[in-house]
């Protein structure tokens, strides 16, 4: 069974907009929307996940 977790910085209840992460196995990270977990998830390799985090931290993905 996959264990999904979200940041302790995320709020609680229906107002929290966040993603959940899971260890999917060797060198794979799962990412899904916490508000719609039934919609599925992305499976990213470690390199792709690290690139995604760098882009987020740098503000490159801000709307």
PDB file of N, CA and C in Angstrom:
ATOM      1  N   UNK A   1       0.835  -1.185   0.000  1.00  0.00           N
ATOM      2  CA  UNK A   1       0.000   0.000   0.000  1.00  0.00           C
ATOM      3  C   UNK A   1       0.876   1.243   0.000  1.00  0.00           C
ATOM      4  N   UNK A   2       0.510   2.219  -0.812  1.00  0.00           N
ATOM      5  CA  UNK A   2       1.252   3.467  -0.913  1.00  0.00           C
ATOM      6  C   UNK A   2       0.791   4.436   0.171  1.00  0.00           C
ATOM      7  N   UNK A   3       1.745   5.027   0.867  1.00  0.00           N
ATOM      8  CA  UNK A   3       1.428   6.020   1.892  1.00  0.00           C
ATOM      9  C   UNK A   3       1.683   7.407   1.327  1.00  0.00           C
ATOM     10  N   UNK A   4       0.625   8.207   1.240  1.00  0.00           N
ATOM     11  CA  UNK A   4       0.716   9.577   0.745  1.00  0.00           C
ATOM     12  C   UNK A   4       0.861  10.519   1.925  1.00  0.00           C
ATOM     13  N   UNK A   5       1.653  11.575   1.752  1.00  0.00           N
ATOM     14  CA  UNK A   5       1.836  12.557   2.821  1.00  0.00           C
ATOM     15  C   UNK A   5       1.893  13.958   2.234  1.00  0.00           C
ATOM     16  N   UNK A   6       1.498  14.932   3.046  1.00  0.00           N
ATOM     17  CA  UNK A   6       1.595  16.322   2.611  1.00  0.00           C
ATOM     18  C   UNK A   6       2.388  17.113   3.636  1.00  0.00           C
ATOM     19  N   UNK A   7       2.834  18.257   3.247  1.00  0.00           N
ATOM     20  CA  UNK A   7       3.677  19.088   4.085  1.00  0.00           C
ATOM     21  C   UNK A   7       2.965  19.479   5.377  1.00  0.00           C
ATOM     22  N   UNK A   8       3.732  19.563   6.444  1.00  0.00           N
ATOM     23  CA  UNK A   8       3.170  20.045   7.711  1.00  0.00           C
ATOM     24  C   UNK A   8       2.821  21.527   7.609  1.00  0.00           C
ATOM     25  N   UNK A   9       3.304  22.214   6.574  1.00  0.00           N
ATOM     26  CA  UNK A   9       2.961  23.617   6.355  1.00  0.00           C
ATOM     27  C   UNK A   9       1.578  23.768   5.733  1.00  0.00           C
ATOM     28  N   UNK A  10       1.025  22.691   5.224  1.00  0.00           N
ATOM     29  CA  UNK A  10      -0.300  22.734   4.614  1.00  0.00           C
ATOM     30  C   UNK A  10      -1.345  22.921   5.699  1.00  0.00           C
ATOM     31  N   UNK A  11      -2.387  23.645   5.352  1.00  0.00           N
ATOM     32  CA  UNK A  11      -3.484  23.812   6.286  1.00  0.00           C
ATOM     33  C   UNK A  11      -4.290  22.539   6.381  1.00  0.00           C
ATOM     34  N   UNK A  12      -5.366  22.593   7.098  1.00  0.00           N
ATOM     35  CA  UNK A  12      -6.244  21.438   7.197  1.00  0.00           C
ATOM     36  C   UNK A  12      -7.632  21.837   6.724  1.00  0.00           C
ATOM     37  N   UNK A  13      -8.440  20.857   6.406  1.00  0.00           N
ATOM     38  CA  UNK A  13      -9.792  21.142   5.937  1.00  0.00           C
ATOM     39  C   UNK A  13      -9.831  21.390   4.451  1.00  0.00           C
ATOM     40  N   UNK A  14     -10.933  21.920   3.966  1.00  0.00           N
ATOM     41  CA  UNK A  14     -11.149  22.112   2.529  1.00  0.00           C
ATOM     42  C   UNK A  14     -10.382  23.293   1.950  1.00  0.00           C
ATOM     43  N   UNK A  15      -9.805  24.138   2.777  1.00  0.00           N
ATOM     44  CA  UNK A  15      -9.123  25.332   2.279  1.00  0.00           C
ATOM     45  C   UNK A  15      -7.660  25.092   1.942  1.00  0.00           C
ATOM     46  N   UNK A  16      -7.155  23.907   2.189  1.00  0.00           N
ATOM     47  CA  UNK A  16      -5.732  23.671   1.941  1.00  0.00           C
ATOM     48  C   UNK A  16      -5.507  23.245   0.492  1.00  0.00           C
ATOM     49  N   UNK A  17      -4.744  24.058  -0.216  1.00  0.00           N
ATOM     50  CA  UNK A  17      -4.361  23.751  -1.593  1.00  0.00           C
ATOM     51  C   UNK A  17      -2.943  23.214  -1.563  1.00  0.00           C
ATOM     52  N   UNK A  18      -2.816  21.921  -1.745  1.00  0.00           N
ATOM     53  CA  UNK A  18      -1.471  21.364  -1.686  1.00  0.00           C
ATOM     54  C   UNK A  18      -1.409  20.072  -2.488  1.00  0.00           C
ATOM     55  N   UNK A  19      -0.219  19.570  -2.572  1.00  0.00           N
ATOM     56  CA  UNK A  19      -0.001  18.283  -3.220  1.00  0.00           C
ATOM     57  C   UNK A  19       0.422  17.287  -2.160  1.00  0.00           C
ATOM     58  N   UNK A  20       0.294  16.020  -2.500  1.00  0.00           N
ATOM     59  CA  UNK A  20       0.755  14.950  -1.638  1.00  0.00           C
ATOM     60  C   UNK A  20       1.858  14.197  -2.368  1.00  0.00           C
ATOM     61  N   UNK A  21       2.787  13.662  -1.609  1.00  0.00           N
ATOM     62  CA  UNK A  21       3.918  12.919  -2.160  1.00  0.00           C
ATOM     63  C   UNK A  21       3.932  11.505  -1.606  1.00  0.00           C
ATOM     64  N   UNK A  22       4.467  10.590  -2.391  1.00  0.00           N
ATOM     65  CA  UNK A  22       4.620   9.208  -1.947  1.00  0.00           C
ATOM     66  C   UNK A  22       5.863   8.598  -2.568  1.00  0.00           C
ATOM     67  N   UNK A  23       6.467   7.693  -1.850  1.00  0.00           N
ATOM     68  CA  UNK A  23       7.577   6.894  -2.368  1.00  0.00           C
ATOM     69  C   UNK A  23       6.954   5.739  -3.134  1.00  0.00           C
ATOM     70  N   UNK A  24       7.147   5.712  -4.453  1.00  0.00           N
ATOM     71  CA  UNK A  24       6.541   4.684  -5.295  1.00  0.00           C
ATOM     72  C   UNK A  24       7.458   3.498  -5.558  1.00  0.00           C
ATOM     73  N   UNK A  25       8.624   3.538  -5.014  1.00  0.00           N
ATOM     74  CA  UNK A  25       9.552   2.427  -5.240  1.00  0.00           C
ATOM     75  C   UNK A  25      10.908   2.958  -5.645  1.00  0.00           C
ATOM     76  N   UNK A  26      11.719   2.106  -6.209  1.00  0.00           N
ATOM     77  CA  UNK A  26      13.084   2.505  -6.550  1.00  0.00           C
ATOM     78  C   UNK A  26      13.135   3.754  -7.437  1.00  0.00           C
ATOM     79  N   UNK A  27      13.593   4.835  -6.840  1.00  0.00           N
ATOM     80  CA  UNK A  27      13.860   6.081  -7.568  1.00  0.00           C
ATOM     81  C   UNK A  27      12.623   6.697  -8.221  1.00  0.00           C
ATOM     82  N   UNK A  28      11.439   6.509  -7.628  1.00  0.00           N
ATOM     83  CA  UNK A  28      10.196   7.077  -8.153  1.00  0.00           C
ATOM     84  C   UNK A  28       9.444   7.809  -7.038  1.00  0.00           C
ATOM     85  N   UNK A  29       9.003   9.028  -7.337  1.00  0.00           N
ATOM     86  CA  UNK A  29       8.215   9.833  -6.412  1.00  0.00           C
ATOM     87  C   UNK A  29       6.843  10.061  -7.038  1.00  0.00           C
ATOM     88  N   UNK A  30       5.795   9.837  -6.260  1.00  0.00           N
ATOM     89  CA  UNK A  30       4.435  10.107  -6.713  1.00  0.00           C
ATOM     90  C   UNK A  30       4.001  11.481  -6.255  1.00  0.00           C
ATOM     91  N   UNK A  31       3.289  12.200  -7.117  1.00  0.00           N
ATOM     92  CA  UNK A  31       2.773  13.536  -6.814  1.00  0.00           C
ATOM     93  C   UNK A  31       1.307  13.561  -7.215  1.00  0.00           C
ATOM     94  N   UNK A  32       0.431  14.011  -6.285  1.00  0.00           N
ATOM     95  CA  UNK A  32      -0.988  14.104  -6.616  1.00  0.00           C
ATOM     96  C   UNK A  32      -1.619  15.293  -5.909  1.00  0.00           C
ATOM     97  N   UNK A  33      -2.777  15.695  -6.398  1.00  0.00           N
ATOM     98  CA  UNK A  33      -3.556  16.790  -5.839  1.00  0.00           C
ATOM     99  C   UNK A  33      -4.279  16.284  -4.592  1.00  0.00           C
ATOM    100  N   UNK A  34      -4.076  16.955  -3.474  1.00  0.00           N
ATOM    101  CA  UNK A  34      -4.699  16.501  -2.229  1.00  0.00           C
ATOM    102  C   UNK A  34      -6.221  16.639  -2.244  1.00  0.00           C
ATOM    103  N   UNK A  35      -6.736  17.536  -3.077  1.00  0.00           N
ATOM    104  CA  UNK A  35      -8.190  17.724  -3.156  1.00  0.00           C
ATOM    105  C   UNK A  35      -8.864  16.714  -4.080  1.00  0.00           C
ATOM    106  N   UNK A  36      -8.100  16.061  -4.929  1.00  0.00           N
ATOM    107  CA  UNK A  36      -8.680  15.107  -5.882  1.00  0.00           C
ATOM    108  C   UNK A  36      -7.780  13.883  -6.028  1.00  0.00           C
ATOM    109  N   UNK A  37      -7.538  13.160  -4.954  1.00  0.00           N
ATOM    110  CA  UNK A  37      -6.629  12.002  -5.045  1.00  0.00           C
ATOM    111  C   UNK A  37      -7.131  10.921  -5.992  1.00  0.00           C
ATOM    112  N   UNK A  38      -8.431  10.869  -6.196  1.00  0.00           N
ATOM    113  CA  UNK A  38      -8.992   9.856  -7.099  1.00  0.00           C
ATOM    114  C   UNK A  38      -8.686  10.150  -8.568  1.00  0.00           C
ATOM    115  N   UNK A  39      -8.182  11.353  -8.855  1.00  0.00           N
ATOM    116  CA  UNK A  39      -7.875  11.744 -10.229  1.00  0.00           C
ATOM    117  C   UNK A  39      -6.563  11.134 -10.726  1.00  0.00           C
ATOM    118  N   UNK A  40      -5.825  10.494  -9.841  1.00  0.00           N
ATOM    119  CA  UNK A  40      -4.573   9.874 -10.247  1.00  0.00           C
ATOM    120  C   UNK A  40      -3.369  10.652  -9.759  1.00  0.00           C
ATOM    121  N   UNK A  41      -2.206  10.253 -10.234  1.00  0.00           N
ATOM    122  CA  UNK A  41      -0.975  10.896  -9.790  1.00  0.00           C
ATOM    123  C   UNK A  41       0.066  10.890 -10.907  1.00  0.00           C
ATOM    124  N   UNK A  42       1.090  11.692 -10.718  1.00  0.00           N
ATOM    125  CA  UNK A  42       2.256  11.691 -11.592  1.00  0.00           C
ATOM    126  C   UNK A  42       3.332  10.851 -10.926  1.00  0.00           C
ATOM    127  N   UNK A  43       4.043  10.081 -11.697  1.00  0.00           N
ATOM    128  CA  UNK A  43       5.192   9.329 -11.209  1.00  0.00           C
ATOM    129  C   UNK A  43       6.436   9.957 -11.816  1.00  0.00           C
ATOM    130  N   UNK A  44       7.289  10.506 -10.966  1.00  0.00           N
ATOM    131  CA  UNK A  44       8.483  11.199 -11.431  1.00  0.00           C
ATOM    132  C   UNK A  44       9.730  10.483 -10.932  1.00  0.00           C
ATOM    133  N   UNK A  45      10.723  10.439 -11.788  1.00  0.00           N
ATOM    134  CA  UNK A  45      12.026   9.947 -11.358  1.00  0.00           C
ATOM    135  C   UNK A  45      12.670  10.979 -10.445  1.00  0.00           C
ATOM    136  N   UNK A  46      13.695  10.573  -9.726  1.00  0.00           N
ATOM    137  CA  UNK A  46      14.332  11.484  -8.772  1.00  0.00           C
ATOM    138  C   UNK A  46      14.880  12.738  -9.444  1.00  0.00           C
ATOM    139  N   UNK A  47      15.486  12.596 -10.608  1.00  0.00           N
ATOM    140  CA  UNK A  47      16.051  13.753 -11.316  1.00  0.00           C
ATOM    141  C   UNK A  47      14.936  14.713 -11.725  1.00  0.00           C
ATOM    142  N   UNK A  48      13.855  14.194 -12.259  1.00  0.00           N
ATOM    143  CA  UNK A  48      12.729  15.045 -12.669  1.00  0.00           C
ATOM    144  C   UNK A  48      12.081  15.723 -11.472  1.00  0.00           C
ATOM    145  N   UNK A  49      11.953  14.997 -10.365  1.00  0.00           N
ATOM    146  CA  UNK A  49      11.368  15.579  -9.164  1.00  0.00           C
ATOM    147  C   UNK A  49      12.247  16.700  -8.625  1.00  0.00           C
ATOM    148  N   UNK A  50      13.558  16.479  -8.617  1.00  0.00           N
ATOM    149  CA  UNK A  50      14.490  17.519  -8.157  1.00  0.00           C
ATOM    150  C   UNK A  50      14.413  18.748  -9.051  1.00  0.00           C
ATOM    151  N   UNK A  51      14.295  18.559 -10.354  1.00  0.00           N
ATOM    152  CA  UNK A  51      14.161  19.686 -11.285  1.00  0.00           C
ATOM    153  C   UNK A  51      12.869  20.449 -11.030  1.00  0.00           C
ATOM    154  N   UNK A  52      11.786  19.721 -10.779  1.00  0.00           N
ATOM    155  CA  UNK A  52      10.516  20.360 -10.464  1.00  0.00           C
ATOM    156  C   UNK A  52      10.644  21.215  -9.208  1.00  0.00           C
ATOM    157  N   UNK A  53      11.254  20.686  -8.169  1.00  0.00           N
ATOM    158  CA  UNK A  53      11.427  21.454  -6.930  1.00  0.00           C
ATOM    159  C   UNK A  53      12.281  22.693  -7.145  1.00  0.00           C
ATOM    160  N   UNK A  54      13.351  22.570  -7.927  1.00  0.00           N
ATOM    161  CA  UNK A  54      14.195  23.739  -8.211  1.00  0.00           C
ATOM    162  C   UNK A  54      13.390  24.821  -8.925  1.00  0.00           C
ATOM    163  N   UNK A  55      12.567  24.422  -9.893  1.00  0.00           N
ATOM    164  CA  UNK A  55      11.742  25.389 -10.614  1.00  0.00           C
ATOM    165  C   UNK A  55      10.726  26.065  -9.712  1.00  0.00           C
ATOM    166  N   UNK A  56      10.128  25.309  -8.816  1.00  0.00           N
ATOM    167  CA  UNK A  56       9.164  25.884  -7.872  1.00  0.00           C
ATOM    168  C   UNK A  56       9.848  26.882  -6.960  1.00  0.00           C
ATOM    169  N   UNK A  57      10.971  26.486  -6.369  1.00  0.00           N
ATOM    170  CA  UNK A  57      11.694  27.369  -5.444  1.00  0.00           C
ATOM    171  C   UNK A  57      12.189  28.636  -6.127  1.00  0.00           C
ATOM    172  N   UNK A  58      12.521  28.547  -7.405  1.00  0.00           N
ATOM    173  CA  UNK A  58      13.016  29.710  -8.154  1.00  0.00           C
ATOM    174  C   UNK A  58      11.881  30.596  -8.655  1.00  0.00           C
ATOM    175  N   UNK A  59      10.647  30.169  -8.461  1.00  0.00           N
ATOM    176  CA  UNK A  59       9.505  30.967  -8.913  1.00  0.00           C
ATOM    177  C   UNK A  59       9.199  30.836 -10.395  1.00  0.00           C
ATOM    178  N   UNK A  60       9.814  29.871 -11.054  1.00  0.00           N
ATOM    179  CA  UNK A  60       9.624  29.705 -12.499  1.00  0.00           C
ATOM    180  C   UNK A  60       8.249  29.166 -12.856  1.00  0.00           C
ATOM    181  N   UNK A  61       7.519  28.629 -11.879  1.00  0.00           N
ATOM    182  CA  UNK A  61       6.215  28.041 -12.161  1.00  0.00           C
ATOM    183  C   UNK A  61       5.064  28.844 -11.565  1.00  0.00           C
ATOM    184  N   UNK A  62       5.371  30.031 -11.059  1.00  0.00           N
ATOM    185  CA  UNK A  62       4.318  30.885 -10.510  1.00  0.00           C
ATOM    186  C   UNK A  62       3.350  31.306 -11.600  1.00  0.00           C
ATOM    187  N   UNK A  63       2.092  31.367 -11.249  1.00  0.00           N
ATOM    188  CA  UNK A  63       1.078  31.795 -12.217  1.00  0.00           C
ATOM    189  C   UNK A  63       0.997  33.297 -12.292  1.00  0.00           C
TER     190      UNK A  63
END
